[in-house]
Amino acid sequence: MPKSNTLYRHEFNYKFGMLSVYAGVMGIKFIVFTYTRTAAEQNKRFKEGLSYCDGYNNISMHQRDRARDLVIIDCDGKPKWSHVHEYDVLAKFWKDLGGEWGGDWEHKKFDDVYHFQF
């Protein structure tokens, strides 16, 4: 029997907690700027060209509460909206936990280094 989305969400949240602890140990600061999305919010991102999921026919992991978008914060407290090394460090750890990282998606028309899903 396949796992339910509830079990996947639980596992995602546990692993995201592990990622947060790892980031702290590594001295990497970040904030989460996207949690769960409604279908309408997801559809808006789709229409803006920022997602491949329309929120209705193609449901995103954000809608399933199994994805977070985070942004690295530099030592001055400013967000790093470009692809910096810290994203790669967190991505490697996340993938070792079995997660997927948006920075690896080859079919993308945009850089989604902020996206971590399970």
C-alpha atoms as a PDB file:
ATOM      1  CA  MET A   1       0.000   0.000   0.000  1.00  0.00           C
ATOM      2  CA  PRO A   2       1.492   3.402  -0.973  1.00  0.00           C
ATOM      3  CA  LYS A   3       2.052   6.056   1.668  1.00  0.00           C
ATOM      4  CA  SER A   4      -0.604   8.700   2.093  1.00  0.00           C
ATOM      5  CA  ASN A   5       0.165  12.371   1.541  1.00  0.00           C
ATOM      6  CA  THR A   6      -0.153  12.830   5.323  1.00  0.00           C
ATOM      7  CA  LEU A   7       2.765  10.448   5.894  1.00  0.00           C
ATOM      8  CA  TYR A   8       4.786  12.130   3.160  1.00  0.00           C
ATOM      9  CA  ARG A   9       4.079  15.557   4.732  1.00  0.00           C
ATOM     10  CA  HIS A  10       5.213  14.268   8.112  1.00  0.00           C
ATOM     11  CA  GLU A  11       8.416  12.898   6.587  1.00  0.00           C
ATOM     12  CA  PHE A  12       8.975  16.142   4.640  1.00  0.00           C
ATOM     13  CA  ASN A  13       8.599  18.271   7.785  1.00  0.00           C
ATOM     14  CA  TYR A  14      10.950  16.021   9.752  1.00  0.00           C
ATOM     15  CA  LYS A  15      13.590  16.177   7.017  1.00  0.00           C
ATOM     16  CA  PHE A  16      13.168  19.925   6.558  1.00  0.00           C
ATOM     17  CA  GLY A  17      13.850  20.248  10.284  1.00  0.00           C
ATOM     18  CA  MET A  18      17.039  18.256   9.768  1.00  0.00           C
ATOM     19  CA  LEU A  19      17.985  20.604   6.907  1.00  0.00           C
ATOM     20  CA  SER A  20      17.426  23.592   9.180  1.00  0.00           C
ATOM     21  CA  VAL A  21      19.703  22.130  11.868  1.00  0.00           C
ATOM     22  CA  TYR A  22      22.344  21.286   9.262  1.00  0.00           C
ATOM     23  CA  ALA A  23      22.205  24.845   7.919  1.00  0.00           C
ATOM     24  CA  GLY A  24      22.772  26.172  11.437  1.00  0.00           C
ATOM     25  CA  VAL A  25      25.753  23.867  11.988  1.00  0.00           C
ATOM     26  CA  MET A  26      27.204  25.007   8.655  1.00  0.00           C
ATOM     27  CA  GLY A  27      26.618  28.664   9.510  1.00  0.00           C
ATOM     28  CA  ILE A  28      24.118  29.111   6.676  1.00  0.00           C
ATOM     29  CA  LYS A  29      21.194  31.393   7.439  1.00  0.00           C
ATOM     30  CA  PHE A  30      17.957  31.274   5.473  1.00  0.00           C
ATOM     31  CA  ILE A  31      14.320  32.191   5.690  1.00  0.00           C
ATOM     32  CA  VAL A  32      11.396  30.289   4.233  1.00  0.00           C
ATOM     33  CA  PHE A  33       9.328  32.500   1.971  1.00  0.00           C
ATOM     34  CA  THR A  34       6.835  30.020   0.512  1.00  0.00           C
ATOM     35  CA  TYR A  35       4.913  27.368   2.399  1.00  0.00           C
ATOM     36  CA  THR A  36       1.628  25.785   1.292  1.00  0.00           C
ATOM     37  CA  ARG A  37      -0.156  27.351  -1.689  1.00  0.00           C
ATOM     38  CA  THR A  38      -3.813  27.353  -2.646  1.00  0.00           C
ATOM     39  CA  ALA A  39      -4.817  26.357  -6.170  1.00  0.00           C
ATOM     40  CA  ALA A  40      -5.392  30.027  -7.005  1.00  0.00           C
ATOM     41  CA  GLU A  41      -1.941  31.029  -5.702  1.00  0.00           C
ATOM     42  CA  GLN A  42      -0.331  28.214  -7.653  1.00  0.00           C
ATOM     43  CA  ASN A  43      -2.232  29.155 -10.802  1.00  0.00           C
ATOM     44  CA  LYS A  44      -1.035  32.761 -10.474  1.00  0.00           C
ATOM     45  CA  ARG A  45       2.597  31.562 -10.388  1.00  0.00           C
ATOM     46  CA  PHE A  46       1.890  29.335 -13.386  1.00  0.00           C
ATOM     47  CA  LYS A  47       0.472  32.269 -15.371  1.00  0.00           C
ATOM     48  CA  GLU A  48       3.525  34.369 -14.413  1.00  0.00           C
ATOM     49  CA  GLY A  49       5.778  31.660 -15.881  1.00  0.00           C
ATOM     50  CA  LEU A  50       7.229  30.771 -12.469  1.00  0.00           C
ATOM     51  CA  SER A  51       5.880  27.230 -12.255  1.00  0.00           C
ATOM     52  CA  TYR A  52       5.023  24.322 -14.501  1.00  0.00           C
ATOM     53  CA  CYS A  53       2.092  23.347 -12.260  1.00  0.00           C
ATOM     54  CA  ASP A  54      -1.185  25.159 -12.930  1.00  0.00           C
ATOM     55  CA  GLY A  55      -2.655  24.297  -9.529  1.00  0.00           C
ATOM     56  CA  TYR A  56      -5.734  22.550 -10.918  1.00  0.00           C
ATOM     57  CA  ASN A  57      -4.786  19.894 -13.478  1.00  0.00           C
ATOM     58  CA  ASN A  58      -1.185  19.669 -12.312  1.00  0.00           C
ATOM     59  CA  ILE A  59      -0.940  19.972  -8.522  1.00  0.00           C
ATOM     60  CA  SER A  60       2.333  21.254  -7.056  1.00  0.00           C
ATOM     61  CA  MET A  61       4.155  19.903  -4.030  1.00  0.00           C
ATOM     62  CA  HIS A  62       3.524  23.285  -2.396  1.00  0.00           C
ATOM     63  CA  GLN A  63      -0.197  22.519  -2.568  1.00  0.00           C
ATOM     64  CA  ARG A  64       0.484  19.124  -1.007  1.00  0.00           C
ATOM     65  CA  ASP A  65       2.486  20.838   1.777  1.00  0.00           C
ATOM     66  CA  ARG A  66       5.606  18.938   0.711  1.00  0.00           C
ATOM     67  CA  ALA A  67       7.723  21.809  -0.596  1.00  0.00           C
ATOM     68  CA  ARG A  68       9.300  24.981   0.737  1.00  0.00           C
ATOM     69  CA  ASP A  69      11.063  27.838  -0.983  1.00  0.00           C
ATOM     70  CA  LEU A  70      13.894  29.348   1.000  1.00  0.00           C
ATOM     71  CA  VAL A  71      16.314  32.192   0.447  1.00  0.00           C
ATOM     72  CA  ILE A  72      19.850  32.359   1.824  1.00  0.00           C
ATOM     73  CA  ILE A  73      20.546  35.361   4.054  1.00  0.00           C
ATOM     74  CA  ASP A  74      24.032  36.903   4.001  1.00  0.00           C
ATOM     75  CA  CYS A  75      25.947  38.167   7.053  1.00  0.00           C
ATOM     76  CA  ASP A  76      24.310  41.586   6.658  1.00  0.00           C
ATOM     77  CA  GLY A  77      20.831  40.031   6.743  1.00  0.00           C
ATOM     78  CA  LYS A  78      20.209  40.565   3.031  1.00  0.00           C
ATOM     79  CA  PRO A  79      18.614  37.855   0.879  1.00  0.00           C
ATOM     80  CA  LYS A  80      20.750  36.229  -1.840  1.00  0.00           C
ATOM     81  CA  TRP A  81      18.409  35.954  -4.808  1.00  0.00           C
ATOM     82  CA  SER A  82      21.189  34.674  -7.066  1.00  0.00           C
ATOM     83  CA  HIS A  83      22.611  31.150  -7.186  1.00  0.00           C
ATOM     84  CA  VAL A  84      25.267  31.201  -4.467  1.00  0.00           C
ATOM     85  CA  HIS A  85      27.328  28.272  -3.116  1.00  0.00           C
ATOM     86  CA  GLU A  86      25.206  27.917   0.047  1.00  0.00           C
ATOM     87  CA  TYR A  87      22.264  26.679  -2.034  1.00  0.00           C
ATOM     88  CA  ASP A  88      24.446  23.876  -3.391  1.00  0.00           C
ATOM     89  CA  VAL A  89      25.593  22.928   0.124  1.00  0.00           C
ATOM     90  CA  LEU A  90      22.008  22.686   1.387  1.00  0.00           C
ATOM     91  CA  ALA A  91      20.881  20.927  -1.797  1.00  0.00           C
ATOM     92  CA  LYS A  92      23.464  18.163  -1.424  1.00  0.00           C
ATOM     93  CA  PHE A  93      22.369  17.480   2.156  1.00  0.00           C
ATOM     94  CA  TRP A  94      18.697  17.605   1.146  1.00  0.00           C
ATOM     95  CA  LYS A  95      19.199  15.162  -1.722  1.00  0.00           C
ATOM     96  CA  ASP A  96      21.136  12.835   0.587  1.00  0.00           C
ATOM     97  CA  LEU A  97      17.943  12.750   2.689  1.00  0.00           C
ATOM     98  CA  GLY A  98      15.980  11.694  -0.394  1.00  0.00           C
ATOM     99  CA  GLY A  99      14.551  15.079  -1.328  1.00  0.00           C
ATOM    100  CA  GLU A 100      14.438  16.890  -4.662  1.00  0.00           C
ATOM    101  CA  TRP A 101      15.977  20.278  -5.352  1.00  0.00           C
ATOM    102  CA  GLY A 102      14.633  22.709  -7.929  1.00  0.00           C
ATOM    103  CA  GLY A 103      18.157  23.722  -8.929  1.00  0.00           C
ATOM    104  CA  ASP A 104      18.604  20.315 -10.604  1.00  0.00           C
ATOM    105  CA  TRP A 105      15.636  20.580 -12.950  1.00  0.00           C
ATOM    106  CA  GLU A 106      16.925  20.686 -16.506  1.00  0.00           C
ATOM    107  CA  HIS A 107      13.594  21.440 -18.167  1.00  0.00           C
ATOM    108  CA  LYS A 108      13.312  24.750 -16.367  1.00  0.00           C
ATOM    109  CA  LYS A 109      12.945  28.114 -17.981  1.00  0.00           C
ATOM    110  CA  PHE A 110      13.860  29.739 -14.667  1.00  0.00           C
ATOM    111  CA  ASP A 111      16.392  29.012 -11.909  1.00  0.00           C
ATOM    112  CA  ASP A 112      14.563  27.439  -8.964  1.00  0.00           C
ATOM    113  CA  VAL A 113      17.447  27.093  -6.498  1.00  0.00           C
ATOM    114  CA  TYR A 114      15.038  28.166  -3.748  1.00  0.00           C
ATOM    115  CA  HIS A 115      12.799  25.093  -4.077  1.00  0.00           C
ATOM    116  CA  PHE A 116      13.152  22.035  -1.790  1.00  0.00           C
ATOM    117  CA  GLN A 117      10.545  19.275  -2.017  1.00  0.00           C
ATOM    118  CA  PHE A 118       9.910  15.686  -0.978  1.00  0.00           C
END
